[in-house]
C-alpha atoms as a PDB file:
ATOM      1  CA  UNK A   1      -0.073   0.340  -0.929  1.00  0.00           C
ATOM      2  CA  UNK A   2      -2.740   0.191   1.410  1.00  0.00           C
ATOM      3  CA  UNK A   3      -4.447  -3.454   2.473  1.00  0.00           C
ATOM      4  CA  UNK A   4      -2.050  -5.365   0.858  1.00  0.00           C
ATOM      5  CA  UNK A   5      -3.376  -4.438  -2.714  1.00  0.00           C
ATOM      6  CA  UNK A   6      -5.137  -1.300  -2.861  1.00  0.00           C
ATOM      7  CA  UNK A   7      -2.953   1.259  -4.730  1.00  0.00           C
ATOM      8  CA  UNK A   8      -5.144   4.594  -3.105  1.00  0.00           C
ATOM      9  CA  UNK A   9      -7.017   5.591  -5.976  1.00  0.00           C
ATOM     10  CA  UNK A  10     -10.191   7.126  -4.178  1.00  0.00           C
ATOM     11  CA  UNK A  11      -8.033   8.549  -1.176  1.00  0.00           C
ATOM     12  CA  UNK A  12      -5.332  10.268  -2.918  1.00  0.00           C
ATOM     13  CA  UNK A  13      -8.007  12.049  -5.118  1.00  0.00           C
ATOM     14  CA  UNK A  14     -10.179  13.270  -2.127  1.00  0.00           C
ATOM     15  CA  UNK A  15      -7.810  16.158  -0.971  1.00  0.00           C
ATOM     16  CA  UNK A  16      -7.363  17.501  -4.496  1.00  0.00           C
ATOM     17  CA  UNK A  17     -10.912  17.340  -4.767  1.00  0.00           C
ATOM     18  CA  UNK A  18     -11.202  19.021  -1.413  1.00  0.00           C
ATOM     19  CA  UNK A  19      -8.894  21.896  -2.151  1.00  0.00           C
ATOM     20  CA  UNK A  20     -10.492  22.585  -5.325  1.00  0.00           C
ATOM     21  CA  UNK A  21     -14.125  23.014  -3.316  1.00  0.00           C
ATOM     22  CA  UNK A  22     -12.522  25.163  -1.163  1.00  0.00           C
ATOM     23  CA  UNK A  23     -10.922  27.707  -4.064  1.00  0.00           C
ATOM     24  CA  UNK A  24     -14.324  27.744  -5.765  1.00  0.00           C
ATOM     25  CA  UNK A  25     -16.095  28.608  -2.488  1.00  0.00           C
ATOM     26  CA  UNK A  26     -13.689  31.321  -1.738  1.00  0.00           C
ATOM     27  CA  UNK A  27     -13.919  32.540  -5.384  1.00  0.00           C
ATOM     28  CA  UNK A  28     -17.567  33.203  -5.314  1.00  0.00           C
ATOM     29  CA  UNK A  29     -17.801  33.915  -1.803  1.00  0.00           C
ATOM     30  CA  UNK A  30     -20.075  30.548  -0.475  1.00  0.00           C
ATOM     31  CA  UNK A  31     -20.497  30.039   3.136  1.00  0.00           C
ATOM     32  CA  UNK A  32     -20.495  26.336   2.725  1.00  0.00           C
ATOM     33  CA  UNK A  33     -19.213  23.202   1.093  1.00  0.00           C
ATOM     34  CA  UNK A  34     -20.919  20.004   0.462  1.00  0.00           C
ATOM     35  CA  UNK A  35     -20.075  16.359  -0.703  1.00  0.00           C
ATOM     36  CA  UNK A  36     -22.522  13.340  -1.728  1.00  0.00           C
ATOM     37  CA  UNK A  37     -20.604  10.727   0.739  1.00  0.00           C
ATOM     38  CA  UNK A  38     -22.479   8.285   2.955  1.00  0.00           C
ATOM     39  CA  UNK A  39     -22.218   8.232   6.764  1.00  0.00           C
ATOM     40  CA  UNK A  40     -20.515   4.593   6.221  1.00  0.00           C
ATOM     41  CA  UNK A  41     -17.863   5.220   4.266  1.00  0.00           C
ATOM     42  CA  UNK A  42     -14.152   6.835   4.472  1.00  0.00           C
ATOM     43  CA  UNK A  43     -14.608   9.517   1.808  1.00  0.00           C
ATOM     44  CA  UNK A  44     -16.650  11.680   4.113  1.00  0.00           C
ATOM     45  CA  UNK A  45     -13.772  11.891   6.569  1.00  0.00           C
ATOM     46  CA  UNK A  46     -11.153  12.252   3.757  1.00  0.00           C
ATOM     47  CA  UNK A  47     -13.269  15.540   2.525  1.00  0.00           C
ATOM     48  CA  UNK A  48     -13.942  17.203   5.938  1.00  0.00           C
ATOM     49  CA  UNK A  49     -10.446  16.512   6.951  1.00  0.00           C
ATOM     50  CA  UNK A  50      -9.729  18.759   3.938  1.00  0.00           C
ATOM     51  CA  UNK A  51     -12.025  21.293   4.727  1.00  0.00           C
ATOM     52  CA  UNK A  52     -10.838  21.482   8.388  1.00  0.00           C
ATOM     53  CA  UNK A  53      -7.521  22.049   7.078  1.00  0.00           C
ATOM     54  CA  UNK A  54      -8.214  24.888   4.313  1.00  0.00           C
ATOM     55  CA  UNK A  55     -11.270  26.129   5.301  1.00  0.00           C
ATOM     56  CA  UNK A  56     -12.383  25.748   8.724  1.00  0.00           C
ATOM     57  CA  UNK A  57     -14.961  28.630   8.911  1.00  0.00           C
ATOM     58  CA  UNK A  58     -16.848  26.924   5.995  1.00  0.00           C
ATOM     59  CA  UNK A  59     -20.115  24.775   7.249  1.00  0.00           C
ATOM     60  CA  UNK A  60     -20.734  21.334   5.709  1.00  0.00           C
ATOM     61  CA  UNK A  61     -23.534  20.182   4.081  1.00  0.00           C
ATOM     62  CA  UNK A  62     -23.781  16.224   3.952  1.00  0.00           C
ATOM     63  CA  UNK A  63     -27.085  15.009   2.281  1.00  0.00           C
ATOM     64  CA  UNK A  64     -26.657  11.401   3.173  1.00  0.00           C
ATOM     65  CA  UNK A  65     -26.431  12.067   6.700  1.00  0.00           C
ATOM     66  CA  UNK A  66     -28.572  15.111   6.953  1.00  0.00           C
ATOM     67  CA  UNK A  67     -31.480  14.162   3.938  1.00  0.00           C
ATOM     68  CA  UNK A  68     -33.737  10.977   4.013  1.00  0.00           C
ATOM     69  CA  UNK A  69     -31.013   9.562   1.592  1.00  0.00           C
ATOM     70  CA  UNK A  70     -30.377   6.165   3.933  1.00  0.00           C
ATOM     71  CA  UNK A  71     -29.898   3.725   1.226  1.00  0.00           C
ATOM     72  CA  UNK A  72     -28.606   3.703  -2.528  1.00  0.00           C
ATOM     73  CA  UNK A  73     -32.048   2.326  -3.229  1.00  0.00           C
ATOM     74  CA  UNK A  74     -33.549   5.821  -2.165  1.00  0.00           C
ATOM     75  CA  UNK A  75     -30.704   7.782  -3.850  1.00  0.00           C
ATOM     76  CA  UNK A  76     -31.738   5.995  -7.418  1.00  0.00           C
ATOM     77  CA  UNK A  77     -35.299   7.144  -6.212  1.00  0.00           C
ATOM     78  CA  UNK A  78     -34.205  10.544  -5.944  1.00  0.00           C
ATOM     79  CA  UNK A  79     -32.338  10.792  -8.890  1.00  0.00           C
ATOM     80  CA  UNK A  80     -35.310   9.614 -11.124  1.00  0.00           C
ATOM     81  CA  UNK A  81     -37.462  11.548  -9.476  1.00  0.00           C
ATOM     82  CA  UNK A  82     -35.717  14.787 -10.777  1.00  0.00           C
ATOM     83  CA  UNK A  83     -34.465  13.273 -14.187  1.00  0.00           C
ATOM     84  CA  UNK A  84     -30.852  13.119 -13.387  1.00  0.00           C
ATOM     85  CA  UNK A  85     -29.356  11.012 -15.806  1.00  0.00           C
ATOM     86  CA  UNK A  86     -27.280   7.870 -14.007  1.00  0.00           C
ATOM     87  CA  UNK A  87     -25.289   5.460 -16.590  1.00  0.00           C
ATOM     88  CA  UNK A  88     -25.000   1.863 -16.115  1.00  0.00           C
ATOM     89  CA  UNK A  89     -26.872   2.035 -12.679  1.00  0.00           C
ATOM     90  CA  UNK A  90     -30.438   0.406 -12.386  1.00  0.00           C
ATOM     91  CA  UNK A  91     -32.307  -1.583  -9.396  1.00  0.00           C
ATOM     92  CA  UNK A  92     -30.189  -4.674  -9.884  1.00  0.00           C
ATOM     93  CA  UNK A  93     -26.595  -3.315 -10.494  1.00  0.00           C
ATOM     94  CA  UNK A  94     -26.366  -0.194  -7.557  1.00  0.00           C
ATOM     95  CA  UNK A  95     -22.635  -0.035  -7.989  1.00  0.00           C
ATOM     96  CA  UNK A  96     -21.211   2.636  -6.363  1.00  0.00           C
ATOM     97  CA  UNK A  97     -18.026   3.829  -8.927  1.00  0.00           C
ATOM     98  CA  UNK A  98     -15.202   6.253  -8.985  1.00  0.00           C
ATOM     99  CA  UNK A  99     -13.156   7.198 -12.002  1.00  0.00           C
ATOM    100  CA  UNK A 100     -10.116   9.083 -12.551  1.00  0.00           C
ATOM    101  CA  UNK A 101      -7.001   8.930 -13.894  1.00  0.00           C
ATOM    102  CA  UNK A 102      -5.483   6.549 -11.769  1.00  0.00           C
ATOM    103  CA  UNK A 103      -8.174   3.985 -11.308  1.00  0.00           C
ATOM    104  CA  UNK A 104     -11.890   3.438 -11.463  1.00  0.00           C
ATOM    105  CA  UNK A 105     -13.654   1.230  -8.643  1.00  0.00           C
ATOM    106  CA  UNK A 106     -16.235  -0.404  -7.853  1.00  0.00           C
ATOM    107  CA  UNK A 107     -18.583  -1.147  -5.107  1.00  0.00           C
ATOM    108  CA  UNK A 108     -21.904  -2.148  -3.549  1.00  0.00           C
ATOM    109  CA  UNK A 109     -24.945  -3.770  -5.495  1.00  0.00           C
ATOM    110  CA  UNK A 110     -24.059  -7.560  -5.484  1.00  0.00           C
ATOM    111  CA  UNK A 111     -20.164  -7.106  -4.355  1.00  0.00           C
ATOM    112  CA  UNK A 112     -21.473  -6.446  -1.059  1.00  0.00           C
ATOM    113  CA  UNK A 113     -21.536 -10.304  -0.649  1.00  0.00           C
ATOM    114  CA  UNK A 114     -18.344 -11.019  -0.415  1.00  0.00           C
ATOM    115  CA  UNK A 115     -18.686 -14.929  -1.852  1.00  0.00           C
ATOM    116  CA  UNK A 116     -19.935 -13.445  -4.853  1.00  0.00           C
ATOM    117  CA  UNK A 117     -17.455 -13.276  -8.324  1.00  0.00           C
ATOM    118  CA  UNK A 118     -17.801  -9.772 -10.012  1.00  0.00           C
ATOM    119  CA  UNK A 119     -19.105 -10.660 -13.357  1.00  0.00           C
ATOM    120  CA  UNK A 120     -16.936  -9.719 -16.487  1.00  0.00           C
ATOM    121  CA  UNK A 121     -19.609  -6.674 -17.624  1.00  0.00           C
ATOM    122  CA  UNK A 122     -18.768  -4.805 -14.472  1.00  0.00           C
ATOM    123  CA  UNK A 123     -15.218  -4.348 -15.254  1.00  0.00           C
ATOM    124  CA  UNK A 124     -15.014  -1.003 -17.622  1.00  0.00           C
ATOM    125  CA  UNK A 125     -11.629  -0.576 -18.360  1.00  0.00           C
ATOM    126  CA  UNK A 126      -9.650  -3.688 -18.667  1.00  0.00           C
ATOM    127  CA  UNK A 127      -9.325  -6.805 -20.626  1.00  0.00           C
ATOM    128  CA  UNK A 128     -10.167  -9.883 -18.744  1.00  0.00           C
ATOM    129  CA  UNK A 129      -6.797 -11.449 -18.592  1.00  0.00           C
ATOM    130  CA  UNK A 130      -7.834 -15.050 -20.045  1.00  0.00           C
ATOM    131  CA  UNK A 131      -8.767 -12.834 -23.330  1.00  0.00           C
ATOM    132  CA  UNK A 132      -5.783 -10.524 -23.707  1.00  0.00           C
ATOM    133  CA  UNK A 133      -3.554 -10.961 -26.378  1.00  0.00           C
ATOM    134  CA  UNK A 134      -1.534 -14.544 -26.673  1.00  0.00           C
ATOM    135  CA  UNK A 135       1.704 -12.418 -27.731  1.00  0.00           C
ATOM    136  CA  UNK A 136       3.325 -10.787 -24.835  1.00  0.00           C
ATOM    137  CA  UNK A 137       4.493  -7.233 -25.052  1.00  0.00           C
ATOM    138  CA  UNK A 138       7.653  -5.244 -23.666  1.00  0.00           C
ATOM    139  CA  UNK A 139       7.221  -1.919 -21.908  1.00  0.00           C
ATOM    140  CA  UNK A 140      10.198   0.397 -20.824  1.00  0.00           C
ATOM    141  CA  UNK A 141       9.708   2.912 -17.881  1.00  0.00           C
ATOM    142  CA  UNK A 142      12.135   5.790 -17.420  1.00  0.00           C
ATOM    143  CA  UNK A 143      12.262   7.615 -13.822  1.00  0.00           C
ATOM    144  CA  UNK A 144      14.246  10.477 -13.046  1.00  0.00           C
ATOM    145  CA  UNK A 145      14.607  10.975  -9.213  1.00  0.00           C
ATOM    146  CA  UNK A 146      11.754   9.066  -8.498  1.00  0.00           C
ATOM    147  CA  UNK A 147       9.586  10.428 -10.700  1.00  0.00           C
ATOM    148  CA  UNK A 148       8.099   8.374 -14.050  1.00  0.00           C
ATOM    149  CA  UNK A 149       9.370  10.421 -16.586  1.00  0.00           C
ATOM    150  CA  UNK A 150       9.261   8.802 -20.058  1.00  0.00           C
ATOM    151  CA  UNK A 151       8.074   5.495 -21.883  1.00  0.00           C
ATOM    152  CA  UNK A 152       9.693   3.114 -24.248  1.00  0.00           C
ATOM    153  CA  UNK A 153      12.403   5.853 -25.298  1.00  0.00           C
ATOM    154  CA  UNK A 154       9.764   9.061 -25.286  1.00  0.00           C
ATOM    155  CA  UNK A 155       9.664  11.538 -22.486  1.00  0.00           C
ATOM    156  CA  UNK A 156       6.506  12.390 -21.659  1.00  0.00           C
ATOM    157  CA  UNK A 157       4.656  14.208 -18.881  1.00  0.00           C
ATOM    158  CA  UNK A 158       2.748  12.806 -16.149  1.00  0.00           C
ATOM    159  CA  UNK A 159      -0.849  12.608 -17.197  1.00  0.00           C
ATOM    160  CA  UNK A 160       0.663  11.369 -20.843  1.00  0.00           C
ATOM    161  CA  UNK A 161       2.974   8.999 -19.268  1.00  0.00           C
ATOM    162  CA  UNK A 162      -0.225   7.355 -17.031  1.00  0.00           C
ATOM    163  CA  UNK A 163      -2.961   7.583 -20.028  1.00  0.00           C
ATOM    164  CA  UNK A 164      -0.492   5.537 -21.982  1.00  0.00           C
ATOM    165  CA  UNK A 165       0.358   3.031 -19.176  1.00  0.00           C
ATOM    166  CA  UNK A 166      -3.505   2.948 -18.729  1.00  0.00           C
ATOM    167  CA  UNK A 167      -3.885   1.530 -22.230  1.00  0.00           C
ATOM    168  CA  UNK A 168      -0.850  -1.189 -22.045  1.00  0.00           C
ATOM    169  CA  UNK A 169      -2.156  -2.391 -18.714  1.00  0.00           C
ATOM    170  CA  UNK A 170      -5.871  -2.358 -19.692  1.00  0.00           C
ATOM    171  CA  UNK A 171      -4.591  -3.980 -22.875  1.00  0.00           C
ATOM    172  CA  UNK A 172      -3.118  -7.195 -20.992  1.00  0.00           C
ATOM    173  CA  UNK A 173      -5.792  -7.475 -18.050  1.00  0.00           C
ATOM    174  CA  UNK A 174      -3.346  -6.072 -15.539  1.00  0.00           C
ATOM    175  CA  UNK A 175      -4.568  -4.029 -12.236  1.00  0.00           C
ATOM    176  CA  UNK A 176      -7.518  -5.837 -11.292  1.00  0.00           C
ATOM    177  CA  UNK A 177      -8.035  -6.136  -7.751  1.00  0.00           C
ATOM    178  CA  UNK A 178     -10.661  -7.671  -5.281  1.00  0.00           C
ATOM    179  CA  UNK A 179     -10.352  -6.320  -1.564  1.00  0.00           C
ATOM    180  CA  UNK A 180     -11.823  -6.716   1.637  1.00  0.00           C
ATOM    181  CA  UNK A 181     -10.767  -3.366   3.323  1.00  0.00           C
ATOM    182  CA  UNK A 182     -10.973  -2.278   6.832  1.00  0.00           C
ATOM    183  CA  UNK A 183     -12.876   1.360   6.882  1.00  0.00           C
ATOM    184  CA  UNK A 184     -11.655   3.893   9.002  1.00  0.00           C
ATOM    185  CA  UNK A 185     -15.053   4.231  10.294  1.00  0.00           C
ATOM    186  CA  UNK A 186     -14.708   0.691  11.805  1.00  0.00           C
ATOM    187  CA  UNK A 187     -16.695  -2.321   9.271  1.00  0.00           C
ATOM    188  CA  UNK A 188     -15.256  -4.304   6.480  1.00  0.00           C
ATOM    189  CA  UNK A 189     -15.918  -3.476   2.934  1.00  0.00           C
ATOM    190  CA  UNK A 190     -15.376  -4.921  -0.135  1.00  0.00           C
ATOM    191  CA  UNK A 191     -14.657  -3.315  -3.521  1.00  0.00           C
ATOM    192  CA  UNK A 192     -12.961  -3.899  -7.375  1.00  0.00           C
ATOM    193  CA  UNK A 193     -10.440  -2.049  -8.245  1.00  0.00           C
ATOM    194  CA  UNK A 194      -9.005  -1.586 -11.722  1.00  0.00           C
ATOM    195  CA  UNK A 195      -5.661   0.836 -11.546  1.00  0.00           C
ATOM    196  CA  UNK A 196      -3.657  -0.871 -14.952  1.00  0.00           C
ATOM    197  CA  UNK A 197      -1.207   2.090 -15.256  1.00  0.00           C
ATOM    198  CA  UNK A 198      -0.657   2.684 -11.361  1.00  0.00           C
ATOM    199  CA  UNK A 199       0.190  -1.034 -11.052  1.00  0.00           C
ATOM    200  CA  UNK A 200       2.747  -1.087 -13.856  1.00  0.00           C
ATOM    201  CA  UNK A 201       4.652   2.076 -12.304  1.00  0.00           C
ATOM    202  CA  UNK A 202       4.140   0.231  -8.694  1.00  0.00           C
ATOM    203  CA  UNK A 203       5.917  -2.693  -9.960  1.00  0.00           C
ATOM    204  CA  UNK A 204       8.656  -0.747 -12.122  1.00  0.00           C
ATOM    205  CA  UNK A 205       9.782   1.867  -9.181  1.00  0.00           C
ATOM    206  CA  UNK A 206       9.860  -0.875  -6.671  1.00  0.00           C
ATOM    207  CA  UNK A 207      12.364  -2.751  -8.526  1.00  0.00           C
ATOM    208  CA  UNK A 208      14.526   0.205  -9.470  1.00  0.00           C
ATOM    209  CA  UNK A 209      14.996   0.902  -5.981  1.00  0.00           C
ATOM    210  CA  UNK A 210      16.416  -2.301  -5.679  1.00  0.00           C
ATOM    211  CA  UNK A 211      19.492  -1.197  -7.056  1.00  0.00           C
ATOM    212  CA  UNK A 212      19.584   2.637  -6.430  1.00  0.00           C
ATOM    213  CA  UNK A 213      18.961   2.500  -2.973  1.00  0.00           C
ATOM    214  CA  UNK A 214      21.502   0.741  -0.194  1.00  0.00           C
ATOM    215  CA  UNK A 215      20.097  -1.977   2.375  1.00  0.00           C
ATOM    216  CA  UNK A 216      18.932   0.223   5.216  1.00  0.00           C
ATOM    217  CA  UNK A 217      17.300   3.218   3.131  1.00  0.00           C
ATOM    218  CA  UNK A 218      15.205   0.438   1.231  1.00  0.00           C
ATOM    219  CA  UNK A 219      14.192  -0.963   4.285  1.00  0.00           C
ATOM    220  CA  UNK A 220      13.153   2.828   5.778  1.00  0.00           C
ATOM    221  CA  UNK A 221      11.440   3.466   2.500  1.00  0.00           C
ATOM    222  CA  UNK A 222       9.128   0.286   2.860  1.00  0.00           C
ATOM    223  CA  UNK A 223       8.502   0.881   6.789  1.00  0.00           C
ATOM    224  CA  UNK A 224       7.361   4.697   5.960  1.00  0.00           C
ATOM    225  CA  UNK A 225       5.531   3.429   3.001  1.00  0.00           C
ATOM    226  CA  UNK A 226       2.838   1.945   5.248  1.00  0.00           C
ATOM    227  CA  UNK A 227       2.613   5.043   7.190  1.00  0.00           C
ATOM    228  CA  UNK A 228       2.395   6.966   4.118  1.00  0.00           C
ATOM    229  CA  UNK A 229      -0.549   4.905   2.870  1.00  0.00           C
ATOM    230  CA  UNK A 230      -2.403   4.728   6.440  1.00  0.00           C
ATOM    231  CA  UNK A 231      -1.957   8.828   6.179  1.00  0.00           C
ATOM    232  CA  UNK A 232      -3.469   8.987   3.086  1.00  0.00           C
ATOM    233  CA  UNK A 233      -6.027   6.077   3.436  1.00  0.00           C
ATOM    234  CA  UNK A 234      -7.280   8.148   7.052  1.00  0.00           C
ATOM    235  CA  UNK A 235      -7.327  11.207   4.751  1.00  0.00           C
ATOM    236  CA  UNK A 236      -4.383  13.029   6.362  1.00  0.00           C
ATOM    237  CA  UNK A 237      -3.242  15.161   3.607  1.00  0.00           C
ATOM    238  CA  UNK A 238      -2.878  18.226   4.749  1.00  0.00           C
ATOM    239  CA  UNK A 239      -1.075  17.977   7.885  1.00  0.00           C
ATOM    240  CA  UNK A 240       3.007  18.452   8.916  1.00  0.00           C
ATOM    241  CA  UNK A 241       3.100  14.811   9.225  1.00  0.00           C
ATOM    242  CA  UNK A 242       2.776  14.359   5.306  1.00  0.00           C
ATOM    243  CA  UNK A 243       4.961  17.501   4.177  1.00  0.00           C
ATOM    244  CA  UNK A 244       7.734  15.957   6.818  1.00  0.00           C
ATOM    245  CA  UNK A 245       7.328  12.078   5.135  1.00  0.00           C
ATOM    246  CA  UNK A 246       7.115  13.904   1.570  1.00  0.00           C
ATOM    247  CA  UNK A 247      10.458  15.363   2.311  1.00  0.00           C
ATOM    248  CA  UNK A 248      12.362  12.194   3.292  1.00  0.00           C
ATOM    249  CA  UNK A 249      10.793  10.611   0.447  1.00  0.00           C
ATOM    250  CA  UNK A 250      12.419  13.200  -1.682  1.00  0.00           C
ATOM    251  CA  UNK A 251      15.624  12.688  -0.105  1.00  0.00           C
ATOM    252  CA  UNK A 252      15.367   8.711  -0.357  1.00  0.00           C
ATOM    253  CA  UNK A 253      14.459   8.939  -4.194  1.00  0.00           C
ATOM    254  CA  UNK A 254      17.380  11.674  -5.148  1.00  0.00           C
ATOM    255  CA  UNK A 255      19.234   8.824  -6.517  1.00  0.00           C
ATOM    256  CA  UNK A 256      16.161   6.225  -8.272  1.00  0.00           C
ATOM    257  CA  UNK A 257      16.821   7.409 -11.996  1.00  0.00           C
ATOM    258  CA  UNK A 258      16.755   4.769 -14.665  1.00  0.00           C
ATOM    259  CA  UNK A 259      14.471   2.334 -16.808  1.00  0.00           C
ATOM    260  CA  UNK A 260      12.693  -0.834 -16.360  1.00  0.00           C
ATOM    261  CA  UNK A 261      11.629  -2.836 -18.472  1.00  0.00           C
ATOM    262  CA  UNK A 262       8.322  -4.716 -17.759  1.00  0.00           C
ATOM    263  CA  UNK A 263       7.094  -7.842 -19.644  1.00  0.00           C
ATOM    264  CA  UNK A 264       2.954  -8.103 -20.196  1.00  0.00           C
ATOM    265  CA  UNK A 265       1.101 -10.975 -20.235  1.00  0.00           C
ATOM    266  CA  UNK A 266      -2.330 -11.923 -19.614  1.00  0.00           C
ATOM    267  CA  UNK A 267      -2.899 -10.228 -16.289  1.00  0.00           C
ATOM    268  CA  UNK A 268       0.837 -10.480 -15.249  1.00  0.00           C
ATOM    269  CA  UNK A 269       3.671  -7.627 -15.566  1.00  0.00           C
ATOM    270  CA  UNK A 270       7.139  -8.708 -14.871  1.00  0.00           C
ATOM    271  CA  UNK A 271      10.214  -7.129 -14.431  1.00  0.00           C
ATOM    272  CA  UNK A 272      12.755  -8.548 -17.093  1.00  0.00           C
ATOM    273  CA  UNK A 273      15.675  -5.994 -16.606  1.00  0.00           C
ATOM    274  CA  UNK A 274      16.418  -2.882 -14.984  1.00  0.00           C
ATOM    275  CA  UNK A 275      19.113  -0.314 -15.566  1.00  0.00           C
ATOM    276  CA  UNK A 276      20.676   2.956 -13.914  1.00  0.00           C
ATOM    277  CA  UNK A 277      23.505   5.510 -13.671  1.00  0.00           C
ATOM    278  CA  UNK A 278      23.488   5.590 -10.232  1.00  0.00           C
ATOM    279  CA  UNK A 279      23.519   1.462  -9.709  1.00  0.00           C
ATOM    280  CA  UNK A 280      24.688  -0.087  -6.504  1.00  0.00           C
ATOM    281  CA  UNK A 281      24.902  -2.934  -7.831  1.00  0.00           C
ATOM    282  CA  UNK A 282      28.532  -4.329  -8.925  1.00  0.00           C
ATOM    283  CA  UNK A 283      29.045  -7.393 -10.894  1.00  0.00           C
ATOM    284  CA  UNK A 284      32.431  -7.702  -9.794  1.00  0.00           C
ATOM    285  CA  UNK A 285      31.327  -7.824  -6.154  1.00  0.00           C
ATOM    286  CA  UNK A 286      28.303 -10.319  -6.706  1.00  0.00           C
ATOM    287  CA  UNK A 287      29.677 -12.460  -9.359  1.00  0.00           C
ATOM    288  CA  UNK A 288      30.497 -15.873  -7.705  1.00  0.00           C
ATOM    289  CA  UNK A 289      33.593 -15.867  -9.897  1.00  0.00           C
ATOM    290  CA  UNK A 290      36.746 -14.349  -9.100  1.00  0.00           C
ATOM    291  CA  UNK A 291      37.146 -11.175  -8.076  1.00  0.00           C
ATOM    292  CA  UNK A 292      40.170  -8.816  -7.086  1.00  0.00           C
ATOM    293  CA  UNK A 293      37.590  -6.393  -5.157  1.00  0.00           C
ATOM    294  CA  UNK A 294      36.740  -8.899  -2.652  1.00  0.00           C
ATOM    295  CA  UNK A 295      38.824 -11.206  -0.137  1.00  0.00           C
ATOM    296  CA  UNK A 296      36.657 -14.256   0.908  1.00  0.00           C
ATOM    297  CA  UNK A 297      38.370 -14.663   3.947  1.00  0.00           C
ATOM    298  CA  UNK A 298      37.402 -11.442   4.919  1.00  0.00           C
ATOM    299  CA  UNK A 299      33.786 -12.756   5.259  1.00  0.00           C
ATOM    300  CA  UNK A 300      35.082 -15.117   8.456  1.00  0.00           C
ATOM    301  CA  UNK A 301      36.144 -11.963  10.602  1.00  0.00           C
ATOM    302  CA  UNK A 302      32.835 -10.254   9.608  1.00  0.00           C
ATOM    303  CA  UNK A 303      30.564 -13.026  11.113  1.00  0.00           C
ATOM    304  CA  UNK A 304      33.040 -13.350  14.063  1.00  0.00           C
ATOM    305  CA  UNK A 305      32.239  -9.477  14.804  1.00  0.00           C
ATOM    306  CA  UNK A 306      28.528  -9.671  13.641  1.00  0.00           C
ATOM    307  CA  UNK A 307      27.737 -13.100  15.652  1.00  0.00           C
ATOM    308  CA  UNK A 308      29.258 -11.665  18.841  1.00  0.00           C
ATOM    309  CA  UNK A 309      25.836 -10.653  20.263  1.00  0.00           C
ATOM    310  CA  UNK A 310      24.899 -14.301  19.998  1.00  0.00           C
ATOM    311  CA  UNK A 311      27.283 -15.981  21.001  1.00  0.00           C
ATOM    312  CA  UNK A 312      27.519 -14.208  23.969  1.00  0.00           C
ATOM    313  CA  UNK A 313      23.965 -14.787  24.831  1.00  0.00           C
ATOM    314  CA  UNK A 314      24.691 -18.648  23.987  1.00  0.00           C
ATOM    315  CA  UNK A 315      27.445 -18.380  26.703  1.00  0.00           C
ATOM    316  CA  UNK A 316      24.538 -16.907  29.125  1.00  0.00           C
ATOM    317  CA  UNK A 317      22.542 -19.444  28.300  1.00  0.00           C
ATOM    318  CA  UNK A 318      25.427 -22.147  29.672  1.00  0.00           C
ATOM    319  CA  UNK A 319      25.990 -20.075  32.977  1.00  0.00           C
ATOM    320  CA  UNK A 320      22.560 -20.374  33.463  1.00  0.00           C
ATOM    321  CA  UNK A 321      22.319 -23.910  33.101  1.00  0.00           C
ATOM    322  CA  UNK A 322      24.822 -24.065  35.481  1.00  0.00           C
ATOM    323  CA  UNK A 323      23.630 -22.320  38.023  1.00  0.00           C
ATOM    324  CA  UNK A 324      19.986 -24.079  37.485  1.00  0.00           C
ATOM    325  CA  UNK A 325      21.780 -27.181  37.674  1.00  0.00           C
ATOM    326  CA  UNK A 326      23.556 -26.654  40.722  1.00  0.00           C
ATOM    327  CA  UNK A 327      20.273 -24.926  42.366  1.00  0.00           C
ATOM    328  CA  UNK A 328      18.114 -28.257  41.521  1.00  0.00           C
ATOM    329  CA  UNK A 329      20.804 -30.470  43.381  1.00  0.00           C
ATOM    330  CA  UNK A 330      20.575 -28.238  46.468  1.00  0.00           C
ATOM    331  CA  UNK A 331      16.390 -28.360  46.301  1.00  0.00           C
ATOM    332  CA  UNK A 332      17.215 -31.994  45.878  1.00  0.00           C
ATOM    333  CA  UNK A 333      19.203 -32.158  48.997  1.00  0.00           C
ATOM    334  CA  UNK A 334      17.202 -29.645  50.996  1.00  0.00           C
ATOM    335  CA  UNK A 335      13.646 -31.923  50.378  1.00  0.00           C
ATOM    336  CA  UNK A 336      15.499 -35.278  51.444  1.00  0.00           C
ATOM    337  CA  UNK A 337      16.844 -33.622  54.878  1.00  0.00           C
ATOM    338  CA  UNK A 338      13.206 -32.199  55.345  1.00  0.00           C
ATOM    339  CA  UNK A 339      11.405 -35.930  54.476  1.00  0.00           C
ATOM    340  CA  UNK A 340      13.980 -37.360  56.921  1.00  0.00           C
ATOM    341  CA  UNK A 341      13.285 -35.021  59.726  1.00  0.00           C
ATOM    342  CA  UNK A 342       9.367 -35.593  59.246  1.00  0.00           C
ATOM    343  CA  UNK A 343       9.904 -39.183  59.200  1.00  0.00           C
ATOM    344  CA  UNK A 344      11.261 -39.398  62.637  1.00  0.00           C
ATOM    345  CA  UNK A 345       9.164 -36.702  64.019  1.00  0.00           C
ATOM    346  CA  UNK A 346       6.247 -39.017  63.241  1.00  0.00           C
ATOM    347  CA  UNK A 347       8.062 -41.981  65.259  1.00  0.00           C
ATOM    348  CA  UNK A 348       8.809 -44.200  62.443  1.00  0.00           C
ATOM    349  CA  UNK A 349      12.440 -44.667  63.104  1.00  0.00           C
END
């Protein structure tokens, strides 16, 4: 997750699109590739870093930077002059939209005012939470080695599973995010995102990791997640850095197998249960009742050892305090002696 709320629907698509462009360029013998990104956005970087990694010999054509398309108004006029159909776009609603299996995004137009509340008609996938069903719905998502593998007891491939989750999430108004993000090129921008299925998956796997990863492994996963998000956001997919992080995540996810039950209701998805054959959770250890496998008196020894650096630091503070007090007494005596000397020299005594 990037920017605390963004599930990277734009960013994850660009390396794949760039890869496919290069494949087609090689197939037809093209000497250039092109993209329609503006000169202000992140996508121009993502596409062109993909071209640089996969086909550095191909020339890049970027009309927004090279032609007179310096605004969306000009781009709209260009399309109208050439009878290019633009669905849902006019002079009053110049939204820039991106849609793929993972999400649909909305930028530009009235959203450029961060104080503007998006109109309901802007959202194309998700139901308004207040209009979602009045009855909660439960779903079970299954994972195998960190990879989503089934829904409600039925094994599914990735595409079928995500399509089904999109339907569940959209029906209950889940997955909307209104974000002001920090673009790679240095400016802030605002976008509204609908990621219903992705939100359900993210919520579920994070919870499953809580019973299948130990504390240090879970912490490492969280640390690398932010670096992974930055890497993907900045378009550095085709790099050794991504391959190394992917390898580490694959190792950490080996034991992330099980299922998570979610309760969907009016814009929220709450975890109600989680199960795993490799769960590290042990009720006999966690219970507040009597447990033959845990001796409470052992905690005293643990705390004593665990707190050793703190006690050592506290002792040093006490020692320094005593030294400082002695130093203050010496300095005070010197000051009095100096004052007496000055009085004597002045002939006052």
